Amino acid sequence: MLILYSLAGCQSEDEELEEEYPETVTYDAKWNERNRDIYRYLLSKLDKPSRDRIYFVTTTPMTEWGDTGEWETIPEDEIQAFPDAALYRPASEAYLKDDNVLEKDTDAAAWMQWMSVISWISDTEVEVEEGIWCCPLGGGASRKTYEKVNGEWTVKDYGPSWVS
């Protein structure tokens, strides 16, 4: 016997996610004077990458990767200033094929870590998207609002997130 229930007024998880995580986000993801301080903070907080995987890092949000991985490369001197971040490879050494992150020259499976400024709320408050991706069903992202208080960045608010 098949029983059907009407779920009038209920939303699917996808609909809820679309409301909280709209696709029409405009980013300010470039490594520039205004974004440098928050990006340095985020680089300093990167976890040490696992030795059995290849990790790359970029400021380009996933929605702007294009079909082949058109990633912004973070200046090498900026990455080298942070010991754990220095273990991530420059985005210019990776490419995207069929939604899979691969290392150039070897075609080895890899992971792309991104951190992208969405918008500045004030001179001391910024919304950021942080995520990681390797392949379909292998990634996720979240939004956070950071605030600089007494010269230190702290998380002020946790926004929506997704995992695949």
C-alpha atoms as a PDB file:
ATOM      1  CA  MET A   1       0.000   0.000   0.000  1.00  0.00           C
ATOM      2  CA  LEU A   2       1.305   3.482  -0.918  1.00  0.00           C
ATOM      3  CA  ILE A   3       0.434   6.406   1.362  1.00  0.00           C
ATOM      4  CA  LEU A   4       0.996   9.952   0.160  1.00  0.00           C
ATOM      5  CA  TYR A   5       1.121  12.923   2.511  1.00  0.00           C
ATOM      6  CA  SER A   6       0.586  16.493   1.446  1.00  0.00           C
ATOM      7  CA  LEU A   7       3.298  18.778   2.700  1.00  0.00           C
ATOM      8  CA  ALA A   8       1.639  22.049   1.804  1.00  0.00           C
ATOM      9  CA  GLY A   9       3.646  24.994   2.975  1.00  0.00           C
ATOM     10  CA  CYS A  10       6.866  23.024   3.429  1.00  0.00           C
ATOM     11  CA  GLN A  11      10.004  23.922   1.540  1.00  0.00           C
ATOM     12  CA  SER A  12      12.604  21.591   0.200  1.00  0.00           C
ATOM     13  CA  GLU A  13      16.162  21.848   1.507  1.00  0.00           C
ATOM     14  CA  ASP A  14      17.194  23.272  -1.881  1.00  0.00           C
ATOM     15  CA  GLU A  15      14.571  26.017  -1.651  1.00  0.00           C
ATOM     16  CA  GLU A  16      15.654  26.896   1.884  1.00  0.00           C
ATOM     17  CA  LEU A  17      19.290  26.974   0.813  1.00  0.00           C
ATOM     18  CA  GLU A  18      18.504  29.215  -2.174  1.00  0.00           C
ATOM     19  CA  GLU A  19      16.810  31.710   0.155  1.00  0.00           C
ATOM     20  CA  GLU A  20      19.764  31.748   2.556  1.00  0.00           C
ATOM     21  CA  TYR A  21      22.481  31.338  -0.073  1.00  0.00           C
ATOM     22  CA  PRO A  22      21.395  33.242  -3.197  1.00  0.00           C
ATOM     23  CA  GLU A  23      23.337  32.606  -6.389  1.00  0.00           C
ATOM     24  CA  THR A  24      23.462  36.292  -7.301  1.00  0.00           C
ATOM     25  CA  VAL A  25      26.293  37.269  -4.969  1.00  0.00           C
ATOM     26  CA  THR A  26      28.777  39.887  -6.081  1.00  0.00           C
ATOM     27  CA  TYR A  27      32.262  39.311  -4.700  1.00  0.00           C
ATOM     28  CA  ASP A  28      35.202  41.619  -4.081  1.00  0.00           C
ATOM     29  CA  ALA A  29      37.674  38.726  -4.134  1.00  0.00           C
ATOM     30  CA  LYS A  30      40.782  40.402  -5.553  1.00  0.00           C
ATOM     31  CA  TRP A  31      43.962  40.608  -3.501  1.00  0.00           C
ATOM     32  CA  ASN A  32      44.001  44.369  -3.061  1.00  0.00           C
ATOM     33  CA  GLU A  33      44.799  46.977  -0.419  1.00  0.00           C
ATOM     34  CA  ARG A  34      41.393  46.819   1.242  1.00  0.00           C
ATOM     35  CA  ASN A  35      41.151  43.004   1.334  1.00  0.00           C
ATOM     36  CA  ARG A  36      44.785  42.303   2.230  1.00  0.00           C
ATOM     37  CA  ASP A  37      44.356  42.431   6.015  1.00  0.00           C
ATOM     38  CA  ILE A  38      41.422  39.993   6.191  1.00  0.00           C
ATOM     39  CA  TYR A  39      43.101  37.660   3.669  1.00  0.00           C
ATOM     40  CA  ARG A  40      46.278  37.641   5.755  1.00  0.00           C
ATOM     41  CA  TYR A  41      44.209  36.733   8.790  1.00  0.00           C
ATOM     42  CA  LEU A  42      42.449  33.906   6.905  1.00  0.00           C
ATOM     43  CA  LEU A  43      45.776  32.576   5.600  1.00  0.00           C
ATOM     44  CA  SER A  44      47.101  32.533   9.160  1.00  0.00           C
ATOM     45  CA  LYS A  45      44.148  30.358  10.198  1.00  0.00           C
ATOM     46  CA  LEU A  46      44.469  27.733   7.442  1.00  0.00           C
ATOM     47  CA  ASP A  47      44.911  24.210   8.722  1.00  0.00           C
ATOM     48  CA  LYS A  48      48.079  22.395   7.823  1.00  0.00           C
ATOM     49  CA  PRO A  49      47.225  20.349   4.722  1.00  0.00           C
ATOM     50  CA  SER A  50      47.246  16.568   4.854  1.00  0.00           C
ATOM     51  CA  ARG A  51      50.460  15.080   3.434  1.00  0.00           C
ATOM     52  CA  ASP A  52      48.542  12.563   1.306  1.00  0.00           C
ATOM     53  CA  ARG A  53      46.673  15.218  -0.697  1.00  0.00           C
ATOM     54  CA  ILE A  54      47.530  18.143  -2.956  1.00  0.00           C
ATOM     55  CA  TYR A  55      46.048  21.476  -1.850  1.00  0.00           C
ATOM     56  CA  PHE A  56      45.868  24.777  -3.717  1.00  0.00           C
ATOM     57  CA  VAL A  57      44.604  28.134  -2.442  1.00  0.00           C
ATOM     58  CA  THR A  58      42.863  31.078  -4.126  1.00  0.00           C
ATOM     59  CA  THR A  59      40.708  34.119  -3.431  1.00  0.00           C
ATOM     60  CA  THR A  60      38.433  33.287  -6.385  1.00  0.00           C
ATOM     61  CA  PRO A  61      34.967  32.138  -5.255  1.00  0.00           C
ATOM     62  CA  MET A  62      33.730  28.871  -6.715  1.00  0.00           C
ATOM     63  CA  THR A  63      30.955  30.631  -8.652  1.00  0.00           C
ATOM     64  CA  GLU A  64      33.635  32.427 -10.709  1.00  0.00           C
ATOM     65  CA  TRP A  65      35.882  29.462 -11.555  1.00  0.00           C
ATOM     66  CA  GLY A  66      34.640  28.986 -15.109  1.00  0.00           C
ATOM     67  CA  ASP A  67      34.900  25.644 -16.898  1.00  0.00           C
ATOM     68  CA  THR A  68      38.654  25.223 -16.510  1.00  0.00           C
ATOM     69  CA  GLY A  69      39.408  26.891 -13.170  1.00  0.00           C
ATOM     70  CA  GLU A  70      40.129  30.558 -13.727  1.00  0.00           C
ATOM     71  CA  TRP A  71      41.674  31.145 -10.311  1.00  0.00           C
ATOM     72  CA  GLU A  72      43.333  34.215  -8.848  1.00  0.00           C
ATOM     73  CA  THR A  73      46.798  33.347  -7.539  1.00  0.00           C
ATOM     74  CA  ILE A  74      47.663  34.812  -4.143  1.00  0.00           C
ATOM     75  CA  PRO A  75      51.046  36.586  -4.148  1.00  0.00           C
ATOM     76  CA  GLU A  76      53.737  34.089  -3.114  1.00  0.00           C
ATOM     77  CA  ASP A  77      55.324  36.415  -0.546  1.00  0.00           C
ATOM     78  CA  GLU A  78      51.958  36.706   1.215  1.00  0.00           C
ATOM     79  CA  ILE A  79      51.494  32.932   1.456  1.00  0.00           C
ATOM     80  CA  GLN A  80      55.093  32.336   2.558  1.00  0.00           C
ATOM     81  CA  ALA A  81      54.548  34.574   5.600  1.00  0.00           C
ATOM     82  CA  PHE A  82      52.380  31.852   7.195  1.00  0.00           C
ATOM     83  CA  PRO A  83      53.959  28.415   7.789  1.00  0.00           C
ATOM     84  CA  ASP A  84      50.818  26.291   7.262  1.00  0.00           C
ATOM     85  CA  ALA A  85      49.576  28.386   4.331  1.00  0.00           C
ATOM     86  CA  ALA A  86      53.010  28.048   2.704  1.00  0.00           C
ATOM     87  CA  LEU A  87      52.273  24.323   2.325  1.00  0.00           C
ATOM     88  CA  TYR A  88      49.396  25.131  -0.068  1.00  0.00           C
ATOM     89  CA  ARG A  89      50.317  25.437  -3.719  1.00  0.00           C
ATOM     90  CA  PRO A  90      49.538  28.437  -5.935  1.00  0.00           C
ATOM     91  CA  ALA A  91      46.231  28.235  -7.794  1.00  0.00           C
ATOM     92  CA  SER A  92      48.086  28.763 -11.074  1.00  0.00           C
ATOM     93  CA  GLU A  93      49.390  25.184 -10.784  1.00  0.00           C
ATOM     94  CA  ALA A  94      45.878  23.670 -10.918  1.00  0.00           C
ATOM     95  CA  TYR A  95      43.111  23.327 -13.449  1.00  0.00           C
ATOM     96  CA  LEU A  96      39.483  22.230 -13.457  1.00  0.00           C
ATOM     97  CA  LYS A  97      38.182  19.425 -15.680  1.00  0.00           C
ATOM     98  CA  ASP A  98      34.623  18.073 -15.437  1.00  0.00           C
ATOM     99  CA  ASP A  99      34.312  19.814 -12.037  1.00  0.00           C
ATOM    100  CA  ASN A 100      37.421  18.028 -10.712  1.00  0.00           C
ATOM    101  CA  VAL A 101      40.430  19.967  -9.414  1.00  0.00           C
ATOM    102  CA  LEU A 102      43.615  18.554 -10.930  1.00  0.00           C
ATOM    103  CA  GLU A 103      47.295  19.381 -10.713  1.00  0.00           C
ATOM    104  CA  LYS A 104      48.789  20.662 -13.961  1.00  0.00           C
ATOM    105  CA  ASP A 105      51.417  18.411 -15.558  1.00  0.00           C
ATOM    106  CA  THR A 106      50.487  15.301 -13.513  1.00  0.00           C
ATOM    107  CA  ASP A 107      46.654  15.356 -13.669  1.00  0.00           C
ATOM    108  CA  ALA A 108      46.687  14.239 -10.012  1.00  0.00           C
ATOM    109  CA  ALA A 109      43.472  14.754  -8.060  1.00  0.00           C
ATOM    110  CA  ALA A 110      43.697  17.811  -5.817  1.00  0.00           C
ATOM    111  CA  TRP A 111      41.752  20.193  -3.549  1.00  0.00           C
ATOM    112  CA  MET A 112      41.165  23.919  -4.015  1.00  0.00           C
ATOM    113  CA  GLN A 113      40.737  26.009  -0.858  1.00  0.00           C
ATOM    114  CA  TRP A 114      39.192  29.424  -1.382  1.00  0.00           C
ATOM    115  CA  MET A 115      38.547  32.471   0.751  1.00  0.00           C
ATOM    116  CA  SER A 116      36.635  35.288  -0.897  1.00  0.00           C
ATOM    117  CA  VAL A 117      35.467  38.661   0.338  1.00  0.00           C
ATOM    118  CA  ILE A 118      31.782  39.034  -0.413  1.00  0.00           C
ATOM    119  CA  SER A 119      31.367  42.576   0.861  1.00  0.00           C
ATOM    120  CA  TRP A 120      32.547  45.078   3.395  1.00  0.00           C
ATOM    121  CA  ILE A 121      29.825  46.061   5.830  1.00  0.00           C
ATOM    122  CA  SER A 122      31.999  48.782   7.389  1.00  0.00           C
ATOM    123  CA  ASP A 123      35.713  49.522   7.714  1.00  0.00           C
ATOM    124  CA  THR A 124      35.938  46.898  10.485  1.00  0.00           C
ATOM    125  CA  GLU A 125      33.332  44.351   9.396  1.00  0.00           C
ATOM    126  CA  VAL A 126      33.435  42.056   6.368  1.00  0.00           C
ATOM    127  CA  GLU A 127      31.439  39.110   5.011  1.00  0.00           C
ATOM    128  CA  VAL A 128      33.591  36.273   3.672  1.00  0.00           C
ATOM    129  CA  GLU A 129      32.977  32.948   1.935  1.00  0.00           C
ATOM    130  CA  GLU A 130      35.392  30.121   2.738  1.00  0.00           C
ATOM    131  CA  GLY A 131      35.318  26.749   1.051  1.00  0.00           C
ATOM    132  CA  ILE A 132      37.096  23.708  -0.260  1.00  0.00           C
ATOM    133  CA  TRP A 133      36.450  21.587  -3.355  1.00  0.00           C
ATOM    134  CA  CYS A 134      37.991  18.591  -5.044  1.00  0.00           C
ATOM    135  CA  CYS A 135      35.228  17.061  -7.162  1.00  0.00           C
ATOM    136  CA  PRO A 136      31.474  16.553  -7.335  1.00  0.00           C
ATOM    137  CA  LEU A 137      30.376  15.302  -3.908  1.00  0.00           C
ATOM    138  CA  GLY A 138      33.672  16.473  -2.428  1.00  0.00           C
ATOM    139  CA  GLY A 139      33.473  19.961  -1.006  1.00  0.00           C
ATOM    140  CA  GLY A 140      31.647  22.606   0.922  1.00  0.00           C
ATOM    141  CA  ALA A 141      31.604  26.257   1.861  1.00  0.00           C
ATOM    142  CA  SER A 142      30.358  28.648   4.503  1.00  0.00           C
ATOM    143  CA  ARG A 143      29.854  32.337   5.019  1.00  0.00           C
ATOM    144  CA  LYS A 144      31.047  34.235   8.037  1.00  0.00           C
ATOM    145  CA  THR A 145      31.021  37.834   9.092  1.00  0.00           C
ATOM    146  CA  TYR A 146      34.283  38.941  10.666  1.00  0.00           C
ATOM    147  CA  GLU A 147      34.750  42.022  12.795  1.00  0.00           C
ATOM    148  CA  LYS A 148      38.024  43.672  13.752  1.00  0.00           C
ATOM    149  CA  VAL A 149      38.001  44.560  17.439  1.00  0.00           C
ATOM    150  CA  ASN A 150      41.064  46.051  19.138  1.00  0.00           C
ATOM    151  CA  GLY A 151      43.174  45.153  16.106  1.00  0.00           C
ATOM    152  CA  GLU A 152      42.104  41.478  16.021  1.00  0.00           C
ATOM    153  CA  TRP A 153      39.722  39.745  13.605  1.00  0.00           C
ATOM    154  CA  THR A 154      36.965  37.671  15.224  1.00  0.00           C
ATOM    155  CA  VAL A 155      33.924  35.845  13.886  1.00  0.00           C
ATOM    156  CA  LYS A 156      30.884  37.992  14.539  1.00  0.00           C
ATOM    157  CA  ASP A 157      28.288  35.829  12.805  1.00  0.00           C
ATOM    158  CA  TYR A 158      28.043  32.463  11.068  1.00  0.00           C
ATOM    159  CA  GLY A 159      25.999  32.490   7.890  1.00  0.00           C
ATOM    160  CA  PRO A 160      24.727  29.695   5.670  1.00  0.00           C
ATOM    161  CA  SER A 161      26.877  26.766   4.636  1.00  0.00           C
ATOM    162  CA  TRP A 162      26.698  23.811   2.258  1.00  0.00           C
ATOM    163  CA  VAL A 163      28.388  20.449   1.848  1.00  0.00           C
ATOM    164  CA  SER A 164      28.328  18.090  -1.114  1.00  0.00           C
END
